[in-house]
Amino acid sequence: MKIWIVRLIGILMVAAGAYFLPKFDQNDPDERYKKIVSIFAIPMGIMVIMATLIQIG
């Protein structure tokens, strides 16, 4: 049951990163930080999903 919660968090990370990525402007200093966070949220979410799919042991 807990693994589904972690997998859902990973899916939400990917979805949030993909949703917010085109909304931020690169030239604004505050929004540049948010854009970097959005860029890193997508692979982090994919890694969380893949880690739950690979069950070692």
C-alpha atoms as a PDB file:
ATOM      1  CA  MET A   1       0.000   0.000   0.000  1.00  0.00           C
ATOM      2  CA  LYS A   2       2.807   2.418   0.822  1.00  0.00           C
ATOM      3  CA  ILE A   3       4.481   1.858  -2.545  1.00  0.00           C
ATOM      4  CA  TRP A   4       1.395   3.192  -4.340  1.00  0.00           C
ATOM      5  CA  ILE A   5       1.584   6.411  -2.332  1.00  0.00           C
ATOM      6  CA  VAL A   6       5.230   6.894  -3.306  1.00  0.00           C
ATOM      7  CA  ARG A   7       4.421   6.117  -6.940  1.00  0.00           C
ATOM      8  CA  LEU A   8       1.550   8.622  -6.875  1.00  0.00           C
ATOM      9  CA  ILE A   9       3.906  11.289  -5.500  1.00  0.00           C
ATOM     10  CA  GLY A  10       6.282  10.588  -8.400  1.00  0.00           C
ATOM     11  CA  ILE A  11       3.464  10.921 -10.936  1.00  0.00           C
ATOM     12  CA  LEU A  12       2.378  14.195  -9.343  1.00  0.00           C
ATOM     13  CA  MET A  13       5.963  15.505  -9.483  1.00  0.00           C
ATOM     14  CA  VAL A  14       6.183  14.783 -13.211  1.00  0.00           C
ATOM     15  CA  ALA A  15       2.754  16.295 -13.857  1.00  0.00           C
ATOM     16  CA  ALA A  16       3.484  19.442 -11.839  1.00  0.00           C
ATOM     17  CA  GLY A  17       6.854  19.932 -13.514  1.00  0.00           C
ATOM     18  CA  ALA A  18       5.361  19.529 -16.981  1.00  0.00           C
ATOM     19  CA  TYR A  19       2.465  21.851 -16.117  1.00  0.00           C
ATOM     20  CA  PHE A  20       4.519  24.694 -14.660  1.00  0.00           C
ATOM     21  CA  LEU A  21       7.497  24.497 -17.046  1.00  0.00           C
ATOM     22  CA  PRO A  22       6.067  26.647 -19.890  1.00  0.00           C
ATOM     23  CA  LYS A  23       4.403  29.119 -17.494  1.00  0.00           C
ATOM     24  CA  PHE A  24       7.559  30.738 -16.101  1.00  0.00           C
ATOM     25  CA  ASP A  25       9.604  33.424 -17.832  1.00  0.00           C
ATOM     26  CA  GLN A  26      13.342  32.827 -18.169  1.00  0.00           C
ATOM     27  CA  ASN A  27      14.282  36.517 -17.878  1.00  0.00           C
ATOM     28  CA  ASP A  28      12.650  37.222 -14.510  1.00  0.00           C
ATOM     29  CA  PRO A  29      15.088  36.252 -11.702  1.00  0.00           C
ATOM     30  CA  ASP A  30      12.378  34.924  -9.383  1.00  0.00           C
ATOM     31  CA  GLU A  31      10.690  32.897 -12.089  1.00  0.00           C
ATOM     32  CA  ARG A  32      14.025  31.543 -13.316  1.00  0.00           C
ATOM     33  CA  TYR A  33      14.433  29.723  -9.990  1.00  0.00           C
ATOM     34  CA  LYS A  34      10.935  28.271 -10.312  1.00  0.00           C
ATOM     35  CA  LYS A  35      11.701  27.153 -13.869  1.00  0.00           C
ATOM     36  CA  ILE A  36      14.837  25.329 -12.685  1.00  0.00           C
ATOM     37  CA  VAL A  37      12.790  23.587  -9.977  1.00  0.00           C
ATOM     38  CA  SER A  38      10.226  22.587 -12.620  1.00  0.00           C
ATOM     39  CA  ILE A  39      12.963  21.205 -14.863  1.00  0.00           C
ATOM     40  CA  PHE A  40      14.382  19.079 -12.036  1.00  0.00           C
ATOM     41  CA  ALA A  41      10.954  17.890 -10.830  1.00  0.00           C
ATOM     42  CA  ILE A  42      10.341  15.887 -14.005  1.00  0.00           C
ATOM     43  CA  PRO A  43      13.396  13.543 -13.838  1.00  0.00           C
ATOM     44  CA  MET A  44      13.121  13.286 -10.048  1.00  0.00           C
ATOM     45  CA  GLY A  45       9.533  12.090 -10.398  1.00  0.00           C
ATOM     46  CA  ILE A  46      10.539   9.615 -13.099  1.00  0.00           C
ATOM     47  CA  MET A  47      13.304   8.276 -10.832  1.00  0.00           C
ATOM     48  CA  VAL A  48      10.811   7.847  -7.978  1.00  0.00           C
ATOM     49  CA  ILE A  49       8.456   5.922 -10.266  1.00  0.00           C
ATOM     50  CA  MET A  50      11.263   3.724 -11.620  1.00  0.00           C
ATOM     51  CA  ALA A  51      12.586   3.036  -8.118  1.00  0.00           C
ATOM     52  CA  THR A  52       9.188   1.749  -7.050  1.00  0.00           C
ATOM     53  CA  LEU A  53       8.890  -0.396 -10.178  1.00  0.00           C
ATOM     54  CA  ILE A  54      12.263  -2.040  -9.536  1.00  0.00           C
ATOM     55  CA  GLN A  55      11.739  -4.103  -6.426  1.00  0.00           C
ATOM     56  CA  ILE A  56      15.014  -5.541  -5.176  1.00  0.00           C
ATOM     57  CA  GLY A  57      14.856  -8.501  -2.808  1.00  0.00           C
END
